[in-house]
PDB file of N, CA and C in Angstrom:
ATOM      1  N   MET A   1      48.159  74.719 121.930  1.00  0.00           N
ATOM      2  CA  MET A   1      48.130  76.091 122.382  1.00  0.00           C
ATOM      3  C   MET A   1      48.559  76.193 123.844  1.00  0.00           C
ATOM      4  N   ARG A   2      48.114  75.232 124.663  1.00  0.00           N
ATOM      5  CA  ARG A   2      48.477  75.241 126.080  1.00  0.00           C
ATOM      6  C   ARG A   2      49.991  75.096 126.247  1.00  0.00           C
ATOM      7  N   VAL A   3      50.599  74.233 125.446  1.00  0.00           N
ATOM      8  CA  VAL A   3      52.051  74.042 125.520  1.00  0.00           C
ATOM      9  C   VAL A   3      52.764  75.341 125.195  1.00  0.00           C
ATOM     10  N   LEU A   4      52.280  76.057 124.188  1.00  0.00           N
ATOM     11  CA  LEU A   4      52.887  77.334 123.812  1.00  0.00           C
ATOM     12  C   LEU A   4      52.799  78.335 124.957  1.00  0.00           C
ATOM     13  N   ARG A   5      51.658  78.389 125.631  1.00  0.00           N
ATOM     14  CA  ARG A   5      51.518  79.306 126.766  1.00  0.00           C
ATOM     15  C   ARG A   5      52.493  78.956 127.891  1.00  0.00           C
ATOM     16  N   VAL A   6      52.671  77.661 128.156  1.00  0.00           N
ATOM     17  CA  VAL A   6      53.604  77.232 129.198  1.00  0.00           C
ATOM     18  C   VAL A   6      55.027  77.641 128.825  1.00  0.00           C
ATOM     19  N   LEU A   7      55.386  77.440 127.555  1.00  0.00           N
ATOM     20  CA  LEU A   7      56.727  77.823 127.109  1.00  0.00           C
ATOM     21  C   LEU A   7      56.946  79.322 127.210  1.00  0.00           C
ATOM     22  N   ILE A   8      55.951  80.098 126.825  1.00  0.00           N
ATOM     23  CA  ILE A   8      56.073  81.561 126.918  1.00  0.00           C
ATOM     24  C   ILE A   8      56.186  81.977 128.378  1.00  0.00           C
ATOM     25  N   SER A   9      55.391  81.372 129.251  1.00  0.00           N
ATOM     26  CA  SER A   9      55.473  81.696 130.676  1.00  0.00           C
ATOM     27  C   SER A   9      56.854  81.383 131.231  1.00  0.00           C
ATOM     28  N   ALA A  10      57.413  80.256 130.833  1.00  0.00           N
ATOM     29  CA  ALA A  10      58.759  79.888 131.289  1.00  0.00           C
ATOM     30  C   ALA A  10      59.783  80.881 130.763  1.00  0.00           C
ATOM     31  N   TRP A  11      59.614  81.325 129.519  1.00  0.00           N
ATOM     32  CA  TRP A  11      60.565  82.266 128.934  1.00  0.00           C
ATOM     33  C   TRP A  11      60.546  83.600 129.671  1.00  0.00           C
ATOM     34  N   VAL A  12      59.364  84.055 130.099  1.00  0.00           N
ATOM     35  CA  VAL A  12      59.265  85.311 130.829  1.00  0.00           C
ATOM     36  C   VAL A  12      60.055  85.227 132.129  1.00  0.00           C
ATOM     37  N   LEU A  13      60.074  84.047 132.745  1.00  0.00           N
ATOM     38  CA  LEU A  13      60.820  83.882 133.988  1.00  0.00           C
ATOM     39  C   LEU A  13      62.331  83.930 133.783  1.00  0.00           C
ATOM     40  N   VAL A  14      62.825  83.462 132.628  1.00  0.00           N
ATOM     41  CA  VAL A  14      64.269  83.423 132.414  1.00  0.00           C
ATOM     42  C   VAL A  14      64.780  84.621 131.623  1.00  0.00           C
ATOM     43  N   GLN A  15      63.902  85.522 131.198  1.00  0.00           N
ATOM     44  CA  GLN A  15      64.350  86.656 130.402  1.00  0.00           C
ATOM     45  C   GLN A  15      65.397  87.520 131.095  1.00  0.00           C
ATOM     46  N   PRO A  16      65.261  87.841 132.399  1.00  0.00           N
ATOM     47  CA  PRO A  16      66.317  88.656 133.005  1.00  0.00           C
ATOM     48  C   PRO A  16      67.703  88.012 132.892  1.00  0.00           C
ATOM     49  N   ALA A  17      67.782  86.697 133.071  1.00  0.00           N
ATOM     50  CA  ALA A  17      69.068  86.008 132.934  1.00  0.00           C
ATOM     51  C   ALA A  17      69.528  86.036 131.482  1.00  0.00           C
ATOM     52  N   ALA A  18      68.604  85.852 130.548  1.00  0.00           N
ATOM     53  CA  ALA A  18      68.952  85.900 129.128  1.00  0.00           C
ATOM     54  C   ALA A  18      69.412  87.291 128.746  1.00  0.00           C
ATOM     55  N   TYR A  19      68.783  88.306 129.310  1.00  0.00           N
ATOM     56  CA  TYR A  19      69.181  89.689 129.038  1.00  0.00           C
ATOM     57  C   TYR A  19      70.628  89.933 129.472  1.00  0.00           C
ATOM     58  N   ALA A  20      70.974  89.488 130.671  1.00  0.00           N
ATOM     59  CA  ALA A  20      72.342  89.669 131.156  1.00  0.00           C
ATOM     60  C   ALA A  20      73.331  88.864 130.316  1.00  0.00           C
ATOM     61  N   TRP A  21      72.944  87.664 129.936  1.00  0.00           N
ATOM     62  CA  TRP A  21      73.838  86.781 129.191  1.00  0.00           C
ATOM     63  C   TRP A  21      74.112  87.289 127.781  1.00  0.00           C
ATOM     64  N   THR A  22      73.130  87.938 127.153  1.00  0.00           N
ATOM     65  CA  THR A  22      73.297  88.409 125.783  1.00  0.00           C
ATOM     66  C   THR A  22      73.925  89.790 125.708  1.00  0.00           C
ATOM     67  N   GLY A  23      74.321  90.341 126.827  1.00  0.00           N
ATOM     68  CA  GLY A  23      74.974  91.637 126.807  1.00  0.00           C
ATOM     69  C   GLY A  23      74.019  92.795 126.571  1.00  0.00           C
ATOM     70  N   GLY A  24      72.760  92.644 126.941  1.00  0.00           N
ATOM     71  CA  GLY A  24      71.836  93.753 126.865  1.00  0.00           C
ATOM     72  C   GLY A  24      70.822  93.676 125.743  1.00  0.00           C
ATOM     73  N   ILE A  25      70.852  92.643 124.933  1.00  0.00           N
ATOM     74  CA  ILE A  25      69.850  92.493 123.879  1.00  0.00           C
ATOM     75  C   ILE A  25      68.649  91.799 124.485  1.00  0.00           C
ATOM     76  N   MET A  26      67.506  92.495 124.493  1.00  0.00           N
ATOM     77  CA  MET A  26      66.319  91.911 125.097  1.00  0.00           C
ATOM     78  C   MET A  26      65.529  91.138 124.058  1.00  0.00           C
ATOM     79  N   PRO A  27      65.491  89.808 124.154  1.00  0.00           N
ATOM     80  CA  PRO A  27      64.669  89.049 123.218  1.00  0.00           C
ATOM     81  C   PRO A  27      63.194  89.331 123.487  1.00  0.00           C
ATOM     82  N   ALA A  28      62.399  89.307 122.450  1.00  0.00           N
ATOM     83  CA  ALA A  28      60.978  89.610 122.626  1.00  0.00           C
ATOM     84  C   ALA A  28      60.136  88.782 121.670  1.00  0.00           C
ATOM     85  N   PHE A  29      58.927  88.497 122.075  1.00  0.00           N
ATOM     86  CA  PHE A  29      57.969  87.829 121.207  1.00  0.00           C
ATOM     87  C   PHE A  29      57.167  88.889 120.481  1.00  0.00           C
ATOM     88  N   LEU A  30      56.629  88.544 119.330  1.00  0.00           N
ATOM     89  CA  LEU A  30      55.754  89.468 118.624  1.00  0.00           C
ATOM     90  C   LEU A  30      54.479  89.635 119.432  1.00  0.00           C
ATOM     91  N   VAL A  31      54.010  90.859 119.527  1.00  0.00           N
ATOM     92  CA  VAL A  31      52.787  91.128 120.281  1.00  0.00           C
ATOM     93  C   VAL A  31      51.692  91.587 119.331  1.00  0.00           C
ATOM     94  N   GLU A  32      50.447  91.460 119.782  1.00  0.00           N
ATOM     95  CA  GLU A  32      49.303  91.786 118.935  1.00  0.00           C
ATOM     96  C   GLU A  32      48.855  93.232 119.052  1.00  0.00           C
ATOM     97  N   ASP A  33      49.101  93.864 120.207  1.00  0.00           N
ATOM     98  CA  ASP A  33      48.596  95.221 120.405  1.00  0.00           C
ATOM     99  C   ASP A  33      49.467  95.975 121.402  1.00  0.00           C
ATOM    100  N   ALA A  34      49.123  97.246 121.619  1.00  0.00           N
ATOM    101  CA  ALA A  34      49.900  98.097 122.518  1.00  0.00           C
ATOM    102  C   ALA A  34      49.856  97.585 123.956  1.00  0.00           C
ATOM    103  N   GLY A  35      48.720  97.011 124.358  1.00  0.00           N
ATOM    104  CA  GLY A  35      48.617  96.454 125.703  1.00  0.00           C
ATOM    105  C   GLY A  35      49.575  95.294 125.912  1.00  0.00           C
ATOM    106  N   GLY A  36      49.701  94.441 124.896  1.00  0.00           N
ATOM    107  CA  GLY A  36      50.652  93.332 124.971  1.00  0.00           C
ATOM    108  C   GLY A  36      52.079  93.831 125.035  1.00  0.00           C
ATOM    109  N   ALA A  37      52.377  94.885 124.291  1.00  0.00           N
ATOM    110  CA  ALA A  37      53.728  95.469 124.327  1.00  0.00           C
ATOM    111  C   ALA A  37      54.020  96.046 125.709  1.00  0.00           C
ATOM    112  N   ALA A  38      53.033  96.702 126.303  1.00  0.00           N
ATOM    113  CA  ALA A  38      53.206  97.273 127.643  1.00  0.00           C
ATOM    114  C   ALA A  38      53.458  96.174 128.671  1.00  0.00           C
ATOM    115  N   ARG A  39      52.677  95.093 128.604  1.00  0.00           N
ATOM    116  CA  ARG A  39      52.860  93.979 129.553  1.00  0.00           C
ATOM    117  C   ARG A  39      54.239  93.339 129.385  1.00  0.00           C
ATOM    118  N   GLN A  40      54.650  93.174 128.127  1.00  0.00           N
ATOM    119  CA  GLN A  40      55.942  92.554 127.878  1.00  0.00           C
ATOM    120  C   GLN A  40      57.086  93.432 128.387  1.00  0.00           C
ATOM    121  N   ALA A  41      57.012  94.730 128.128  1.00  0.00           N
ATOM    122  CA  ALA A  41      58.063  95.647 128.577  1.00  0.00           C
ATOM    123  C   ALA A  41      58.135  95.696 130.099  1.00  0.00           C
ATOM    124  N   ALA A  42      56.980  95.731 130.759  1.00  0.00           N
ATOM    125  CA  ALA A  42      56.966  95.744 132.227  1.00  0.00           C
ATOM    126  C   ALA A  42      57.549  94.455 132.783  1.00  0.00           C
ATOM    127  N   GLY A  43      57.207  93.331 132.167  1.00  0.00           N
ATOM    128  CA  GLY A  43      57.745  92.046 132.617  1.00  0.00           C
ATOM    129  C   GLY A  43      59.235  91.913 132.384  1.00  0.00           C
ATOM    130  N   MET A  44      59.712  92.492 131.281  1.00  0.00           N
ATOM    131  CA  MET A  44      61.135  92.399 130.951  1.00  0.00           C
ATOM    132  C   MET A  44      61.989  93.263 131.867  1.00  0.00           C
ATOM    133  N   THR A  45      61.448  94.393 132.320  1.00  0.00           N
ATOM    134  CA  THR A  45      62.260  95.347 133.077  1.00  0.00           C
ATOM    135  C   THR A  45      61.923  95.400 134.557  1.00  0.00           C
ATOM    136  N   GLY A  46      60.717  94.975 134.919  1.00  0.00           N
ATOM    137  CA  GLY A  46      60.287  95.106 136.304  1.00  0.00           C
ATOM    138  C   GLY A  46      59.856  96.520 136.647  1.00  0.00           C
ATOM    139  N   GLY A  47      59.763  97.388 135.641  1.00  0.00           N
ATOM    140  CA  GLY A  47      59.399  98.781 135.868  1.00  0.00           C
ATOM    141  C   GLY A  47      57.939  99.054 135.590  1.00  0.00           C
ATOM    142  N   ARG A  48      57.592 100.348 135.609  1.00  0.00           N
ATOM    143  CA  ARG A  48      56.219 100.796 135.383  1.00  0.00           C
ATOM    144  C   ARG A  48      56.137 101.477 134.024  1.00  0.00           C
ATOM    145  N   VAL A  49      55.195 101.068 133.209  1.00  0.00           N
ATOM    146  CA  VAL A  49      55.039 101.619 131.863  1.00  0.00           C
ATOM    147  C   VAL A  49      54.487 103.036 131.956  1.00  0.00           C
ATOM    148  N   LEU A  50      55.183 103.960 131.296  1.00  0.00           N
ATOM    149  CA  LEU A  50      54.754 105.348 131.267  1.00  0.00           C
ATOM    150  C   LEU A  50      53.938 105.675 130.018  1.00  0.00           C
ATOM    151  N   ASP A  51      54.350 105.098 128.877  1.00  0.00           N
ATOM    152  CA  ASP A  51      53.741 105.475 127.605  1.00  0.00           C
ATOM    153  C   ASP A  51      54.021 104.400 126.565  1.00  0.00           C
ATOM    154  N   VAL A  52      53.068 104.199 125.663  1.00  0.00           N
ATOM    155  CA  VAL A  52      53.255 103.291 124.525  1.00  0.00           C
ATOM    156  C   VAL A  52      52.827 104.035 123.268  1.00  0.00           C
ATOM    157  N   GLN A  53      53.705 104.077 122.275  1.00  0.00           N
ATOM    158  CA  GLN A  53      53.385 104.685 120.986  1.00  0.00           C
ATOM    159  C   GLN A  53      53.512 103.622 119.913  1.00  0.00           C
ATOM    160  N   THR A  54      52.632 103.693 118.922  1.00  0.00           N
ATOM    161  CA  THR A  54      52.667 102.740 117.819  1.00  0.00           C
ATOM    162  C   THR A  54      53.238 103.425 116.594  1.00  0.00           C
ATOM    163  N   ARG A  55      54.218 102.785 115.989  1.00  0.00           N
ATOM    164  CA  ARG A  55      54.809 103.262 114.745  1.00  0.00           C
ATOM    165  C   ARG A  55      54.757 102.130 113.739  1.00  0.00           C
ATOM    166  N   SER A  56      55.084 102.444 112.499  1.00  0.00           N
ATOM    167  CA  SER A  56      55.068 101.424 111.455  1.00  0.00           C
ATOM    168  C   SER A  56      56.452 101.312 110.832  1.00  0.00           C
ATOM    169  N   ALA A  57      56.892 100.089 110.618  1.00  0.00           N
ATOM    170  CA  ALA A  57      58.179  99.833 109.965  1.00  0.00           C
ATOM    171  C   ALA A  57      57.968  98.709 108.961  1.00  0.00           C
ATOM    172  N   GLY A  58      57.996  99.061 107.687  1.00  0.00           N
ATOM    173  CA  GLY A  58      57.817  98.048 106.653  1.00  0.00           C
ATOM    174  C   GLY A  58      56.443  97.400 106.685  1.00  0.00           C
ATOM    175  N   GLY A  59      55.427  98.156 107.066  1.00  0.00           N
ATOM    176  CA  GLY A  59      54.078  97.611 107.108  1.00  0.00           C
ATOM    177  C   GLY A  59      53.743  96.857 108.378  1.00  0.00           C
ATOM    178  N   GLN A  60      54.696  96.735 109.282  1.00  0.00           N
ATOM    179  CA  GLN A  60      54.446  96.052 110.551  1.00  0.00           C
ATOM    180  C   GLN A  60      54.469  97.063 111.680  1.00  0.00           C
ATOM    181  N   PRO A  61      53.602  96.870 112.685  1.00  0.00           N
ATOM    182  CA  PRO A  61      53.624  97.797 113.818  1.00  0.00           C
ATOM    183  C   PRO A  61      54.855  97.584 114.692  1.00  0.00           C
ATOM    184  N   VAL A  62      55.377  98.686 115.202  1.00  0.00           N
ATOM    185  CA  VAL A  62      56.454  98.658 116.182  1.00  0.00           C
ATOM    186  C   VAL A  62      55.972  99.504 117.355  1.00  0.00           C
ATOM    187  N   TYR A  63      56.005  98.918 118.541  1.00  0.00           N
ATOM    188  CA  TYR A  63      55.546  99.618 119.729  1.00  0.00           C
ATOM    189  C   TYR A  63      56.752 100.169 120.473  1.00  0.00           C
ATOM    190  N   VAL A  64      56.747 101.473 120.717  1.00  0.00           N
ATOM    191  CA  VAL A  64      57.815 102.131 121.460  1.00  0.00           C
ATOM    192  C   VAL A  64      57.277 102.358 122.873  1.00  0.00           C
ATOM    193  N   VAL A  65      57.884 101.671 123.827  1.00  0.00           N
ATOM    194  CA  VAL A  65      57.388 101.674 125.205  1.00  0.00           C
ATOM    195  C   VAL A  65      58.398 102.391 126.099  1.00  0.00           C
ATOM    196  N   ARG A  66      57.919 103.384 126.839  1.00  0.00           N
ATOM    197  CA  ARG A  66      58.759 104.066 127.836  1.00  0.00           C
ATOM    198  C   ARG A  66      58.433 103.473 129.199  1.00  0.00           C
ATOM    199  N   VAL A  67      59.482 103.023 129.905  1.00  0.00           N
ATOM    200  CA  VAL A  67      59.298 102.351 131.189  1.00  0.00           C
ATOM    201  C   VAL A  67      60.114 103.070 132.258  1.00  0.00           C
ATOM    202  N   LEU A  68      59.485 103.346 133.390  1.00  0.00           N
ATOM    203  CA  LEU A  68      60.176 103.917 134.537  1.00  0.00           C
ATOM    204  C   LEU A  68      60.758 102.771 135.352  1.00  0.00           C
ATOM    205  N   LEU A  69      62.087 102.717 135.439  1.00  0.00           N
ATOM    206  CA  LEU A  69      62.757 101.651 136.183  1.00  0.00           C
ATOM    207  C   LEU A  69      62.757 101.952 137.673  1.00  0.00           C
ATOM    208  N   ASN A  70      63.037 100.947 138.478  1.00  0.00           N
ATOM    209  CA  ASN A  70      63.025 101.100 139.937  1.00  0.00           C
ATOM    210  C   ASN A  70      64.039 102.118 140.440  1.00  0.00           C
ATOM    211  N   ASP A  71      65.127 102.327 139.688  1.00  0.00           N
ATOM    212  CA  ASP A  71      66.151 103.285 140.119  1.00  0.00           C
ATOM    213  C   ASP A  71      65.878 104.706 139.624  1.00  0.00           C
ATOM    214  N   GLY A  72      64.711 104.936 138.989  1.00  0.00           N
ATOM    215  CA  GLY A  72      64.330 106.270 138.552  1.00  0.00           C
ATOM    216  C   GLY A  72      64.655 106.593 137.108  1.00  0.00           C
ATOM    217  N   ARG A  73      65.421 105.731 136.438  1.00  0.00           N
ATOM    218  CA  ARG A  73      65.736 105.965 135.026  1.00  0.00           C
ATOM    219  C   ARG A  73      64.544 105.590 134.158  1.00  0.00           C
ATOM    220  N   VAL A  74      64.485 106.192 132.972  1.00  0.00           N
ATOM    221  CA  VAL A  74      63.463 105.846 131.993  1.00  0.00           C
ATOM    222  C   VAL A  74      64.140 105.100 130.863  1.00  0.00           C
ATOM    223  N   LYS A  75      63.622 103.936 130.552  1.00  0.00           N
ATOM    224  CA  LYS A  75      64.172 103.099 129.475  1.00  0.00           C
ATOM    225  C   LYS A  75      63.155 103.054 128.347  1.00  0.00           C
ATOM    226  N   VAL A  76      63.644 103.171 127.114  1.00  0.00           N
ATOM    227  CA  VAL A  76      62.784 103.090 125.933  1.00  0.00           C
ATOM    228  C   VAL A  76      63.049 101.752 125.255  1.00  0.00           C
ATOM    229  N   ILE A  77      61.995 100.984 125.044  1.00  0.00           N
ATOM    230  CA  ILE A  77      62.099  99.655 124.449  1.00  0.00           C
ATOM    231  C   ILE A  77      61.220  99.623 123.207  1.00  0.00           C
ATOM    232  N   GLN A  78      61.754  99.076 122.128  1.00  0.00           N
ATOM    233  CA  GLN A  78      60.965  98.887 120.915  1.00  0.00           C
ATOM    234  C   GLN A  78      60.613  97.409 120.799  1.00  0.00           C
ATOM    235  N   ILE A  79      59.326  97.142 120.619  1.00  0.00           N
ATOM    236  CA  ILE A  79      58.837  95.775 120.508  1.00  0.00           C
ATOM    237  C   ILE A  79      58.081  95.650 119.198  1.00  0.00           C
ATOM    238  N   GLN A  80      58.448  94.667 118.413  1.00  0.00           N
ATOM    239  CA  GLN A  80      57.818  94.471 117.114  1.00  0.00           C
ATOM    240  C   GLN A  80      56.460  93.815 117.275  1.00  0.00           C
ATOM    241  N   GLY A  81      55.491  94.356 116.572  1.00  0.00           N
ATOM    242  CA  GLY A  81      54.147  93.790 116.585  1.00  0.00           C
ATOM    243  C   GLY A  81      53.996  92.749 115.491  1.00  0.00           C
ATOM    244  N   ALA A  82      52.997  91.912 115.652  1.00  0.00           N
ATOM    245  CA  ALA A  82      52.709  90.902 114.634  1.00  0.00           C
ATOM    246  C   ALA A  82      52.136  91.584 113.399  1.00  0.00           C
ATOM    247  N   ALA A  83      52.485  91.073 112.248  1.00  0.00           N
ATOM    248  CA  ALA A  83      51.960  91.615 110.994  1.00  0.00           C
ATOM    249  C   ALA A  83      50.452  91.422 110.958  1.00  0.00           C
ATOM    250  N   PRO A  84      49.722  92.378 110.412  1.00  0.00           N
ATOM    251  CA  PRO A  84      48.255  92.233 110.345  1.00  0.00           C
ATOM    252  C   PRO A  84      47.818  90.943 109.666  1.00  0.00           C
ATOM    253  N   SER A  85      48.554  90.483 108.663  1.00  0.00           N
ATOM    254  CA  SER A  85      48.187  89.241 107.978  1.00  0.00           C
ATOM    255  C   SER A  85      48.327  88.040 108.900  1.00  0.00           C
ATOM    256  N   ALA A  86      49.307  88.053 109.799  1.00  0.00           N
ATOM    257  CA  ALA A  86      49.482  86.948 110.749  1.00  0.00           C
ATOM    258  C   ALA A  86      48.312  86.900 111.728  1.00  0.00           C
ATOM    259  N   LEU A  87      47.769  88.039 112.082  1.00  0.00           N
ATOM    260  CA  LEU A  87      46.639  88.060 113.005  1.00  0.00           C
ATOM    261  C   LEU A  87      45.366  87.563 112.327  1.00  0.00           C
ATOM    262  N   ARG A  88      45.208  87.840 111.036  1.00  0.00           N
ATOM    263  CA  ARG A  88      44.009  87.397 110.317  1.00  0.00           C
ATOM    264  C   ARG A  88      44.002  85.878 110.115  1.00  0.00           C
ATOM    265  N   GLU A  89      45.158  85.237 110.065  1.00  0.00           N
ATOM    266  CA  GLU A  89      45.249  83.802 109.802  1.00  0.00           C
ATOM    267  C   GLU A  89      44.807  82.965 110.994  1.00  0.00           C
ATOM    268  N   ARG A  90      44.668  83.545 112.153  1.00  0.00           N
ATOM    269  CA  ARG A  90      44.312  82.789 113.354  1.00  0.00           C
ATOM    270  C   ARG A  90      42.944  82.255 113.286  1.00  0.00           C
TER     271      ARG A  90
END
């Protein structure tokens, strides 16, 4: 588990470079709740989270996060949540 946390921490540091390299596709990890989606969106953009809404797609939660960027624009990011069955298996 500790190794996984270290890898995730390292990935958060390189995400801005990965974002630029992939032409704007933001890779994301599955999150467990709206708070995790908010933290991930803020870390990915460097902005301030304005709102998080939870929607469902195929039985899985999808978090729609609105982020205020440093230049004043608002960016909407969709982050897929972990399936409820995956959370129960822990």
